[in-house]
């Protein structure tokens, strides 16, 4: 079996998990989230919102370890829902392309949305403690995320796809064509 891995990225609150739940109704894949993988590798329960304040390099090492433990050998398609930039204790920090190489990413999909939609998503999710950002800051974070994601894909020579929430069909075509 030829297992494929897509790194599905975007900024916090853009709607990656919601998008992927809709896509899962159309195609089969294993959906793994970066925060859960890091916690699994750490063998503890951590509050996902606090992960961004911890050591970035250690978290990325744990992400790769957690991914290796969690991915099912029977899944033809694995989608890792995560980030290429993290708004950590030291501001925005980019995730190294080495992390995506270690994950065996075959492609990167980047989800984007209007900043007002992201703000609404972030404010509407009461179970998470997210930093409050202005529309301008959200637009800047999204632009930086897009640049980082496309740069990583280029450096790894893997396909890159920019998506909006309305393009679930395009994601499914992209994912099944790898």
Protein backbone atom coordinates (compact mmCIF):
# COMPACT_ATOMS: atom_id res chain seq x y z
CA UNK A 1 0.00 0.00 0.00
CA UNK A 2 1.22 3.47 -0.91
CA UNK A 3 0.45 5.63 2.14
CA UNK A 4 0.26 9.38 1.50
CA UNK A 5 0.53 12.17 4.07
CA UNK A 6 -0.87 15.65 3.66
CA UNK A 7 0.12 18.40 6.06
CA UNK A 8 -3.05 20.50 6.28
CA UNK A 9 -2.12 23.85 7.77
CA UNK A 10 -3.47 27.30 8.51
CA UNK A 11 -3.63 29.67 11.42
CA UNK A 12 -5.41 28.97 14.66
CA UNK A 13 -9.15 29.44 14.20
CA UNK A 14 -9.24 29.28 10.40
CA UNK A 15 -11.42 26.15 10.56
CA UNK A 16 -9.07 23.30 9.63
CA UNK A 17 -10.80 20.66 11.75
CA UNK A 18 -14.28 21.72 10.60
CA UNK A 19 -13.10 21.65 6.97
CA UNK A 20 -11.61 18.18 7.42
CA UNK A 21 -14.76 16.83 9.07
CA UNK A 22 -16.65 17.86 5.92
CA UNK A 23 -14.00 16.35 3.65
CA UNK A 24 -14.18 13.07 5.62
CA UNK A 25 -17.75 12.67 4.39
CA UNK A 26 -16.38 12.51 0.82
CA UNK A 27 -13.06 10.63 1.08
CA UNK A 28 -11.48 8.31 3.62
CA UNK A 29 -8.45 9.46 5.59
CA UNK A 30 -6.97 9.36 9.05
CA UNK A 31 -7.19 12.81 10.65
CA UNK A 32 -4.46 13.60 13.17
CA UNK A 33 -4.05 16.92 14.97
CA UNK A 34 -0.65 18.31 15.88
CA UNK A 35 -1.63 19.25 19.44
CA UNK A 36 -2.97 15.79 20.20
CA UNK A 37 0.13 14.15 18.72
CA UNK A 38 2.43 16.28 20.87
CA UNK A 39 0.43 15.43 23.99
CA UNK A 40 0.40 11.74 23.09
CA UNK A 41 4.18 11.67 22.69
CA UNK A 42 4.59 13.55 25.96
CA UNK A 43 2.36 10.86 27.53
CA UNK A 44 0.39 13.44 29.43
CA UNK A 45 -2.68 15.54 29.10
CA UNK A 46 -1.79 19.14 28.40
CA UNK A 47 -4.02 22.01 27.57
CA UNK A 48 -3.56 22.53 23.82
CA UNK A 49 -3.60 26.31 24.22
CA UNK A 50 -0.50 26.12 26.41
CA UNK A 51 1.54 24.11 23.90
CA UNK A 52 2.37 27.28 21.98
CA UNK A 53 4.09 28.65 25.08
CA UNK A 54 6.39 25.65 25.47
CA UNK A 55 9.73 24.95 23.79
CA UNK A 56 9.05 24.93 20.05
CA UNK A 57 11.86 22.55 19.11
CA UNK A 58 10.84 20.05 21.78
CA UNK A 59 7.21 20.25 20.69
CA UNK A 60 8.19 19.56 17.08
CA UNK A 61 10.32 16.58 18.10
CA UNK A 62 7.32 15.29 20.07
CA UNK A 63 5.03 15.96 17.09
CA UNK A 64 7.10 13.71 14.86
CA UNK A 65 7.28 11.01 17.54
CA UNK A 66 3.53 11.24 18.18
CA UNK A 67 2.82 11.08 14.45
CA UNK A 68 4.88 7.91 14.08
CA UNK A 69 2.98 6.32 16.99
CA UNK A 70 -0.49 7.39 15.84
CA UNK A 71 -0.56 6.92 12.09
CA UNK A 72 -2.34 3.76 11.14
CA UNK A 73 -0.47 1.50 8.75
CA UNK A 74 -3.84 0.61 7.17
CA UNK A 75 -4.64 4.22 6.22
CA UNK A 76 -3.92 5.05 2.61
CA UNK A 77 -4.24 8.76 3.36
CA UNK A 78 -3.18 10.51 6.56
CA UNK A 79 -3.97 14.19 7.05
CA UNK A 80 -2.01 15.96 9.76
CA UNK A 81 -3.86 19.10 10.88
CA UNK A 82 -1.32 21.61 12.19
CA UNK A 83 0.57 24.84 11.74
CA UNK A 84 3.62 26.21 9.96
CA UNK A 85 3.85 29.20 12.28
CA UNK A 86 3.12 29.30 15.99
CA UNK A 87 2.27 32.41 17.99
CA UNK A 88 4.42 31.47 20.96
CA UNK A 89 5.91 33.20 23.95
CA UNK A 90 8.50 34.84 21.68
CA UNK A 91 6.01 35.94 19.02
CA UNK A 92 5.50 34.25 15.66
CA UNK A 93 7.86 31.35 15.14
CA UNK A 94 8.17 29.32 11.94
CA UNK A 95 8.22 25.54 11.95
CA UNK A 96 11.22 24.11 10.11
CA UNK A 97 10.74 22.28 6.83
CA UNK A 98 12.75 19.47 8.49
CA UNK A 99 9.68 18.71 10.62
CA UNK A 100 7.53 18.20 7.52
CA UNK A 101 10.26 16.09 5.94
CA UNK A 102 10.37 13.94 9.10
CA UNK A 103 6.59 13.56 8.94
CA UNK A 104 6.97 12.28 5.39
CA UNK A 105 4.65 14.96 4.02
CA UNK A 106 3.75 14.24 0.41
CA UNK A 107 1.87 17.52 0.01
CA UNK A 108 0.84 20.63 1.90
CA UNK A 109 -2.62 22.16 1.86
CA UNK A 110 -3.09 25.61 3.36
CA UNK A 111 -6.54 26.75 4.44
CA UNK A 112 -7.29 30.44 4.47
CA UNK A 113 -10.34 32.52 5.30
CA UNK A 114 -11.31 36.14 5.65
CA UNK A 115 -9.86 37.54 8.89
CA UNK A 116 -13.35 38.41 10.13
CA UNK A 117 -14.37 34.75 9.81
CA UNK A 118 -11.25 33.66 11.70
CA UNK A 119 -11.97 36.19 14.44
CA UNK A 120 -15.57 34.95 14.69
CA UNK A 121 -14.34 31.33 14.88
CA UNK A 122 -11.80 32.17 17.57
CA UNK A 123 -14.28 34.14 19.66
CA UNK A 124 -16.99 31.51 19.24
CA UNK A 125 -14.95 28.64 20.61
CA UNK A 126 -15.32 29.09 24.35
CA UNK A 127 -13.47 25.86 25.21
CA UNK A 128 -10.15 27.32 24.04
CA UNK A 129 -8.10 30.15 25.52
CA UNK A 130 -6.73 31.89 22.46
CA UNK A 131 -4.84 35.13 22.34
CA UNK A 132 -6.97 38.05 21.16
CA UNK A 133 -5.81 39.42 17.85
CA UNK A 134 -7.07 42.25 15.68
CA UNK A 135 -8.25 41.71 12.11
CA UNK A 136 -4.99 43.24 10.91
CA UNK A 137 -2.93 40.87 13.06
CA UNK A 138 -4.95 37.88 11.83
CA UNK A 139 -4.40 38.97 8.22
CA UNK A 140 -0.66 39.30 8.89
CA UNK A 141 -0.47 35.88 10.60
CA UNK A 142 -2.35 34.28 7.73
CA UNK A 143 -0.05 35.89 5.16
CA UNK A 144 3.01 34.68 7.04
CA UNK A 145 1.52 31.20 7.34
CA UNK A 146 0.83 31.07 3.61
CA UNK A 147 4.40 32.20 2.83
CA UNK A 148 5.87 29.63 5.23
CA UNK A 149 3.72 26.79 3.88
CA UNK A 150 4.54 27.49 0.24
CA UNK A 151 8.25 27.85 1.09
CA UNK A 152 8.24 24.50 2.91
CA UNK A 153 6.51 22.78 -0.02
CA UNK A 154 8.99 24.32 -2.45
CA UNK A 155 11.99 23.30 -0.32
CA UNK A 156 10.70 19.72 -0.10
CA UNK A 157 9.64 19.61 -3.78
CA UNK A 158 6.10 18.54 -2.85
CA UNK A 159 2.75 19.80 -4.15
CA UNK A 160 1.15 22.80 -2.48
CA UNK A 161 -2.54 23.73 -2.58
CA UNK A 162 -4.10 26.94 -1.28
CA UNK A 163 -7.71 26.33 -0.24
CA UNK A 164 -10.69 28.21 1.08
CA UNK A 165 -13.49 26.70 3.12
CA UNK A 166 -15.68 26.47 0.01
CA UNK A 167 -13.16 24.25 -1.80
CA UNK A 168 -13.71 20.93 -0.05
CA UNK A 169 -14.24 19.20 -3.42
CA UNK A 170 -10.90 20.59 -4.63
CA UNK A 171 -9.17 19.32 -1.49
CA UNK A 172 -10.63 15.87 -2.04
CA UNK A 173 -9.44 15.85 -5.67
CA UNK A 174 -6.01 17.09 -4.61
CA UNK A 175 -5.75 14.46 -1.87
CA UNK A 176 -6.81 11.55 -4.06
CA UNK A 177 -4.55 12.58 -6.95
CA UNK A 178 -1.31 12.25 -4.96
